[in-house]
N, C-alpha and C. Protein backbone atom coordinates (compact mmCIF):
# COMPACT_ATOMS: atom_id res chain seq x y z
N MET A 1 -8.26 13.85 -16.66
CA MET A 1 -8.31 13.68 -15.22
C MET A 1 -6.98 13.09 -14.76
N ALA A 2 -6.23 13.80 -13.92
CA ALA A 2 -4.93 13.31 -13.43
C ALA A 2 -5.14 12.21 -12.39
N LYS A 3 -4.31 11.18 -12.49
CA LYS A 3 -4.45 10.04 -11.58
C LYS A 3 -3.60 10.25 -10.34
N ASP A 4 -4.21 10.04 -9.18
CA ASP A 4 -3.52 10.09 -7.90
C ASP A 4 -3.20 8.65 -7.51
N LEU A 5 -1.93 8.28 -7.55
CA LEU A 5 -1.56 6.89 -7.30
C LEU A 5 -1.85 6.46 -5.87
N LYS A 6 -2.04 7.43 -4.97
CA LYS A 6 -2.42 7.10 -3.60
C LYS A 6 -3.77 6.36 -3.59
N ILE A 7 -4.62 6.69 -4.54
CA ILE A 7 -5.94 6.05 -4.62
C ILE A 7 -5.80 4.56 -4.86
N SER A 8 -4.84 4.15 -5.66
CA SER A 8 -4.62 2.73 -5.92
C SER A 8 -4.29 1.99 -4.64
N LEU A 9 -3.47 2.59 -3.79
CA LEU A 9 -3.14 1.99 -2.49
C LEU A 9 -4.38 1.95 -1.60
N LEU A 10 -5.13 3.03 -1.57
CA LEU A 10 -6.34 3.07 -0.74
C LEU A 10 -7.36 2.05 -1.22
N LEU A 11 -7.39 1.81 -2.50
CA LEU A 11 -8.29 0.80 -3.06
C LEU A 11 -7.97 -0.58 -2.51
N ASP A 12 -6.68 -0.86 -2.32
CA ASP A 12 -6.28 -2.14 -1.72
C ASP A 12 -6.80 -2.27 -0.29
N PHE A 13 -6.78 -1.19 0.45
CA PHE A 13 -7.22 -1.23 1.84
C PHE A 13 -8.74 -1.17 2.00
N TYR A 14 -9.38 -0.32 1.23
CA TYR A 14 -10.80 -0.04 1.46
C TYR A 14 -11.72 -0.40 0.30
N GLY A 15 -11.18 -0.98 -0.75
CA GLY A 15 -11.98 -1.27 -1.94
C GLY A 15 -13.22 -2.10 -1.67
N SER A 16 -13.13 -3.01 -0.72
CA SER A 16 -14.28 -3.87 -0.42
C SER A 16 -15.43 -3.09 0.20
N MET A 17 -15.18 -1.86 0.63
CA MET A 17 -16.23 -1.04 1.22
C MET A 17 -16.98 -0.22 0.17
N LEU A 18 -16.50 -0.25 -1.06
CA LEU A 18 -17.20 0.42 -2.16
C LEU A 18 -18.24 -0.54 -2.72
N THR A 19 -19.17 0.00 -3.51
CA THR A 19 -20.10 -0.89 -4.19
C THR A 19 -19.31 -1.68 -5.23
N GLU A 20 -19.86 -2.80 -5.65
CA GLU A 20 -19.19 -3.66 -6.63
C GLU A 20 -18.88 -2.87 -7.91
N LYS A 21 -19.85 -2.08 -8.37
CA LYS A 21 -19.66 -1.32 -9.61
C LYS A 21 -18.59 -0.24 -9.43
N GLN A 22 -18.62 0.48 -8.30
CA GLN A 22 -17.61 1.51 -8.05
C GLN A 22 -16.22 0.89 -8.04
N ARG A 23 -16.10 -0.21 -7.32
CA ARG A 23 -14.79 -0.86 -7.21
C ARG A 23 -14.30 -1.29 -8.60
N ARG A 24 -15.16 -1.91 -9.36
CA ARG A 24 -14.78 -2.39 -10.69
C ARG A 24 -14.31 -1.23 -11.57
N ILE A 25 -15.07 -0.14 -11.57
CA ILE A 25 -14.72 1.01 -12.41
C ILE A 25 -13.41 1.64 -11.96
N VAL A 26 -13.22 1.79 -10.66
CA VAL A 26 -11.98 2.38 -10.16
C VAL A 26 -10.79 1.45 -10.44
N GLU A 27 -10.99 0.15 -10.33
CA GLU A 27 -9.92 -0.79 -10.67
C GLU A 27 -9.56 -0.70 -12.15
N TYR A 28 -10.58 -0.59 -13.00
CA TYR A 28 -10.30 -0.41 -14.43
C TYR A 28 -9.44 0.84 -14.64
N TYR A 29 -9.82 1.91 -13.97
CA TYR A 29 -9.16 3.20 -14.17
C TYR A 29 -7.74 3.21 -13.61
N TYR A 30 -7.58 2.75 -12.36
CA TYR A 30 -6.27 2.83 -11.71
C TYR A 30 -5.39 1.61 -11.94
N ASP A 31 -5.93 0.43 -11.78
CA ASP A 31 -5.11 -0.78 -11.86
C ASP A 31 -4.89 -1.24 -13.30
N ASP A 32 -5.94 -1.17 -14.12
CA ASP A 32 -5.83 -1.63 -15.51
C ASP A 32 -5.45 -0.50 -16.47
N ASP A 33 -5.44 0.74 -15.95
CA ASP A 33 -5.04 1.92 -16.72
C ASP A 33 -5.89 2.14 -17.97
N LEU A 34 -7.19 1.83 -17.86
CA LEU A 34 -8.10 2.10 -18.98
C LEU A 34 -8.52 3.56 -18.95
N SER A 35 -8.81 4.11 -20.11
CA SER A 35 -9.29 5.50 -20.19
C SER A 35 -10.76 5.55 -19.79
N LEU A 36 -11.24 6.75 -19.51
CA LEU A 36 -12.65 6.92 -19.18
C LEU A 36 -13.54 6.42 -20.32
N SER A 37 -13.12 6.69 -21.55
CA SER A 37 -13.90 6.25 -22.72
C SER A 37 -13.94 4.73 -22.83
N GLU A 38 -12.82 4.08 -22.58
CA GLU A 38 -12.78 2.62 -22.65
C GLU A 38 -13.68 1.99 -21.58
N ILE A 39 -13.63 2.56 -20.39
CA ILE A 39 -14.47 2.05 -19.30
C ILE A 39 -15.94 2.27 -19.63
N ALA A 40 -16.25 3.45 -20.15
CA ALA A 40 -17.64 3.76 -20.52
C ALA A 40 -18.17 2.75 -21.52
N GLU A 41 -17.35 2.42 -22.50
CA GLU A 41 -17.77 1.45 -23.51
C GLU A 41 -17.98 0.07 -22.88
N ASN A 42 -17.07 -0.35 -22.01
CA ASN A 42 -17.18 -1.66 -21.34
C ASN A 42 -18.40 -1.74 -20.44
N GLU A 43 -18.71 -0.64 -19.77
CA GLU A 43 -19.79 -0.63 -18.78
C GLU A 43 -21.14 -0.21 -19.35
N GLY A 44 -21.14 0.30 -20.55
CA GLY A 44 -22.39 0.74 -21.16
C GLY A 44 -22.96 2.00 -20.53
N ILE A 45 -22.05 2.89 -20.08
CA ILE A 45 -22.48 4.17 -19.51
C ILE A 45 -21.68 5.28 -20.20
N THR A 46 -22.02 6.52 -19.90
CA THR A 46 -21.33 7.63 -20.54
C THR A 46 -19.95 7.85 -19.91
N ARG A 47 -19.12 8.55 -20.65
CA ARG A 47 -17.80 8.91 -20.14
C ARG A 47 -17.95 9.76 -18.88
N GLN A 48 -18.91 10.68 -18.89
CA GLN A 48 -19.17 11.53 -17.72
C GLN A 48 -19.63 10.68 -16.54
N GLY A 49 -20.41 9.65 -16.81
CA GLY A 49 -20.86 8.74 -15.75
C GLY A 49 -19.68 8.03 -15.11
N VAL A 50 -18.74 7.61 -15.93
CA VAL A 50 -17.53 6.95 -15.41
C VAL A 50 -16.75 7.93 -14.54
N ARG A 51 -16.58 9.15 -15.05
CA ARG A 51 -15.85 10.18 -14.30
C ARG A 51 -16.51 10.41 -12.95
N ASP A 52 -17.84 10.49 -12.92
CA ASP A 52 -18.56 10.69 -11.66
C ASP A 52 -18.34 9.52 -10.70
N PHE A 53 -18.39 8.29 -11.23
CA PHE A 53 -18.14 7.10 -10.40
C PHE A 53 -16.75 7.17 -9.77
N VAL A 54 -15.76 7.51 -10.61
CA VAL A 54 -14.37 7.56 -10.13
C VAL A 54 -14.22 8.64 -9.07
N LYS A 55 -14.73 9.84 -9.34
CA LYS A 55 -14.62 10.95 -8.39
C LYS A 55 -15.29 10.61 -7.06
N ARG A 56 -16.48 10.05 -7.12
CA ARG A 56 -17.22 9.70 -5.90
C ARG A 56 -16.46 8.63 -5.10
N ALA A 57 -15.94 7.64 -5.80
CA ALA A 57 -15.17 6.58 -5.13
C ALA A 57 -13.89 7.13 -4.51
N GLU A 58 -13.20 8.03 -5.23
CA GLU A 58 -11.99 8.65 -4.69
C GLU A 58 -12.30 9.38 -3.39
N GLU A 59 -13.38 10.15 -3.39
CA GLU A 59 -13.77 10.89 -2.19
C GLU A 59 -14.06 9.93 -1.04
N GLN A 60 -14.75 8.84 -1.33
CA GLN A 60 -15.06 7.87 -0.28
C GLN A 60 -13.79 7.21 0.26
N LEU A 61 -12.88 6.84 -0.62
CA LEU A 61 -11.64 6.21 -0.19
C LEU A 61 -10.81 7.16 0.67
N LEU A 62 -10.71 8.42 0.26
CA LEU A 62 -9.96 9.41 1.03
C LEU A 62 -10.61 9.66 2.39
N GLU A 63 -11.93 9.68 2.42
CA GLU A 63 -12.64 9.87 3.69
C GLU A 63 -12.41 8.68 4.63
N MET A 64 -12.45 7.47 4.08
CA MET A 64 -12.19 6.28 4.91
C MET A 64 -10.78 6.33 5.48
N GLU A 65 -9.82 6.72 4.66
CA GLU A 65 -8.44 6.80 5.14
C GLU A 65 -8.30 7.88 6.21
N GLN A 66 -8.99 8.99 6.02
CA GLN A 66 -8.93 10.07 7.01
C GLN A 66 -9.49 9.58 8.35
N LYS A 67 -10.55 8.80 8.32
CA LYS A 67 -11.18 8.32 9.55
C LYS A 67 -10.43 7.14 10.17
N LEU A 68 -9.96 6.21 9.34
CA LEU A 68 -9.38 4.97 9.86
C LEU A 68 -7.85 4.96 9.86
N GLY A 69 -7.24 5.58 8.87
CA GLY A 69 -5.78 5.68 8.81
C GLY A 69 -5.03 4.38 8.62
N LEU A 70 -5.66 3.37 8.03
CA LEU A 70 -5.00 2.07 7.87
C LEU A 70 -3.80 2.14 6.94
N ALA A 71 -3.92 2.84 5.83
CA ALA A 71 -2.81 2.93 4.87
C ALA A 71 -1.65 3.71 5.49
N ARG A 72 -1.95 4.77 6.22
CA ARG A 72 -0.90 5.56 6.88
C ARG A 72 -0.17 4.69 7.91
N ARG A 73 -0.94 3.96 8.72
CA ARG A 73 -0.31 3.10 9.72
C ARG A 73 0.52 1.99 9.07
N PHE A 74 0.02 1.47 7.97
CA PHE A 74 0.77 0.43 7.25
C PHE A 74 2.12 0.99 6.78
N ARG A 75 2.10 2.18 6.17
CA ARG A 75 3.35 2.80 5.71
C ARG A 75 4.30 3.05 6.88
N GLU A 76 3.75 3.51 8.01
CA GLU A 76 4.58 3.75 9.19
C GLU A 76 5.21 2.45 9.70
N MET A 77 4.42 1.38 9.71
CA MET A 77 4.95 0.08 10.14
C MET A 77 6.06 -0.39 9.20
N MET A 78 5.84 -0.27 7.91
CA MET A 78 6.85 -0.71 6.95
C MET A 78 8.14 0.11 7.10
N ASP A 79 8.00 1.42 7.33
CA ASP A 79 9.17 2.26 7.58
C ASP A 79 9.88 1.82 8.85
N GLY A 80 9.11 1.50 9.88
CA GLY A 80 9.69 1.03 11.14
C GLY A 80 10.43 -0.28 10.96
N PHE A 81 9.84 -1.21 10.22
CA PHE A 81 10.52 -2.48 9.96
C PHE A 81 11.83 -2.26 9.21
N GLN A 82 11.81 -1.33 8.28
CA GLN A 82 13.03 -1.04 7.52
C GLN A 82 14.11 -0.49 8.45
N ARG A 83 13.74 0.41 9.36
CA ARG A 83 14.71 0.97 10.31
C ARG A 83 15.25 -0.12 11.24
N ILE A 84 14.36 -1.03 11.68
CA ILE A 84 14.80 -2.14 12.53
C ILE A 84 15.79 -3.02 11.78
N GLU A 85 15.48 -3.31 10.52
CA GLU A 85 16.37 -4.14 9.70
C GLU A 85 17.74 -3.47 9.52
N GLU A 86 17.74 -2.17 9.27
CA GLU A 86 19.00 -1.45 9.11
C GLU A 86 19.81 -1.48 10.40
N ALA A 87 19.13 -1.30 11.55
CA ALA A 87 19.82 -1.34 12.84
C ALA A 87 20.40 -2.72 13.11
N ALA A 88 19.64 -3.77 12.80
CA ALA A 88 20.14 -5.14 13.01
C ALA A 88 21.36 -5.41 12.13
N ASN A 89 21.34 -4.91 10.91
CA ASN A 89 22.51 -5.07 10.03
C ASN A 89 23.72 -4.31 10.56
N ARG A 90 23.50 -3.11 11.11
CA ARG A 90 24.61 -2.35 11.71
C ARG A 90 25.19 -3.10 12.91
N ILE A 91 24.31 -3.69 13.72
CA ILE A 91 24.77 -4.47 14.88
C ILE A 91 25.62 -5.65 14.42
N ARG A 92 25.15 -6.35 13.41
CA ARG A 92 25.91 -7.50 12.89
C ARG A 92 27.27 -7.05 12.35
N ASP A 93 27.29 -5.94 11.61
CA ASP A 93 28.55 -5.44 11.07
C ASP A 93 29.51 -5.05 12.19
N TYR A 94 29.00 -4.32 13.17
CA TYR A 94 29.85 -3.91 14.30
C TYR A 94 30.38 -5.13 15.03
N ASN A 95 29.49 -6.08 15.29
CA ASN A 95 29.87 -7.31 15.98
C ASN A 95 30.95 -8.06 15.20
N GLU A 96 30.78 -8.13 13.89
CA GLU A 96 31.72 -8.86 13.04
C GLU A 96 33.10 -8.21 13.02
N HIS A 97 33.14 -6.88 13.05
CA HIS A 97 34.42 -6.18 12.92
C HIS A 97 35.13 -5.92 14.25
N TYR A 98 34.40 -5.88 15.35
CA TYR A 98 35.04 -5.45 16.60
C TYR A 98 35.04 -6.51 17.72
N ILE A 99 33.94 -7.12 18.01
CA ILE A 99 33.89 -8.03 19.16
C ILE A 99 33.01 -9.23 18.85
N TYR A 100 33.44 -10.09 18.03
CA TYR A 100 32.52 -11.14 17.59
C TYR A 100 32.00 -11.94 18.77
N ALA A 101 30.67 -11.90 18.91
CA ALA A 101 29.98 -12.71 19.91
C ALA A 101 28.87 -13.45 19.17
N ARG A 102 28.89 -14.77 19.27
CA ARG A 102 27.90 -15.58 18.55
C ARG A 102 26.47 -15.22 18.95
N GLU A 103 26.25 -14.93 20.23
CA GLU A 103 24.91 -14.60 20.72
C GLU A 103 24.38 -13.33 20.06
N ILE A 104 25.25 -12.35 19.92
CA ILE A 104 24.84 -11.10 19.27
C ILE A 104 24.49 -11.36 17.81
N ASP A 105 25.32 -12.13 17.14
CA ASP A 105 25.06 -12.44 15.73
C ASP A 105 23.75 -13.20 15.57
N GLU A 106 23.50 -14.19 16.42
CA GLU A 106 22.26 -14.97 16.35
C GLU A 106 21.04 -14.10 16.63
N SER A 107 21.15 -13.21 17.61
CA SER A 107 20.02 -12.32 17.93
C SER A 107 19.72 -11.37 16.77
N ALA A 108 20.77 -10.83 16.16
CA ALA A 108 20.57 -9.93 15.01
C ALA A 108 19.95 -10.70 13.85
N LYS A 109 20.39 -11.94 13.63
CA LYS A 109 19.79 -12.77 12.57
C LYS A 109 18.30 -13.00 12.84
N GLN A 110 17.97 -13.28 14.09
CA GLN A 110 16.55 -13.49 14.45
C GLN A 110 15.73 -12.24 14.16
N ILE A 111 16.26 -11.10 14.53
CA ILE A 111 15.56 -9.84 14.27
C ILE A 111 15.32 -9.67 12.78
N LEU A 112 16.35 -9.93 11.98
CA LEU A 112 16.22 -9.80 10.52
C LEU A 112 15.18 -10.78 9.97
N GLU A 113 15.20 -12.00 10.43
CA GLU A 113 14.22 -13.00 9.96
C GLU A 113 12.80 -12.58 10.31
N ILE A 114 12.61 -12.11 11.53
CA ILE A 114 11.26 -11.71 11.96
C ILE A 114 10.77 -10.52 11.14
N THR A 115 11.62 -9.51 10.96
CA THR A 115 11.16 -8.34 10.19
C THR A 115 10.87 -8.71 8.74
N ARG A 116 11.67 -9.57 8.16
CA ARG A 116 11.41 -9.98 6.76
C ARG A 116 10.10 -10.75 6.66
N ARG A 117 9.84 -11.61 7.63
CA ARG A 117 8.59 -12.38 7.63
C ARG A 117 7.38 -11.45 7.80
N LEU A 118 7.51 -10.46 8.66
CA LEU A 118 6.41 -9.52 8.88
C LEU A 118 6.15 -8.63 7.67
N CYS A 119 7.17 -8.41 6.86
CA CYS A 119 7.02 -7.56 5.68
C CYS A 119 6.45 -8.30 4.48
N GLU A 120 6.35 -9.61 4.55
CA GLU A 120 5.83 -10.38 3.41
C GLU A 120 4.36 -10.14 3.23
């Protein structure tokens, strides 16, 4: 069974909406990188049972993302913060090389601090 790493991200966003057993099994599979056989042995179920749990949980996670879009919005926000940070750095560089104004430098620094704090 090929692993879709997107599922690991979706698990971070929506994992609490799965049953405890589903979440545990999917975490074993994606986060701990255990094989289906290893999980089956740990959980006392068949390998096929583990595969069914994983497949069902993947479908649920993908459906939640399709309906809510939290992971997509998070990625878009992070991309936006990165673009803001790049623009603030360009402003600081331009200011430093052409028309040094302390106010511009301080404003660009504030923008950088805010975006870094929001990305933590």
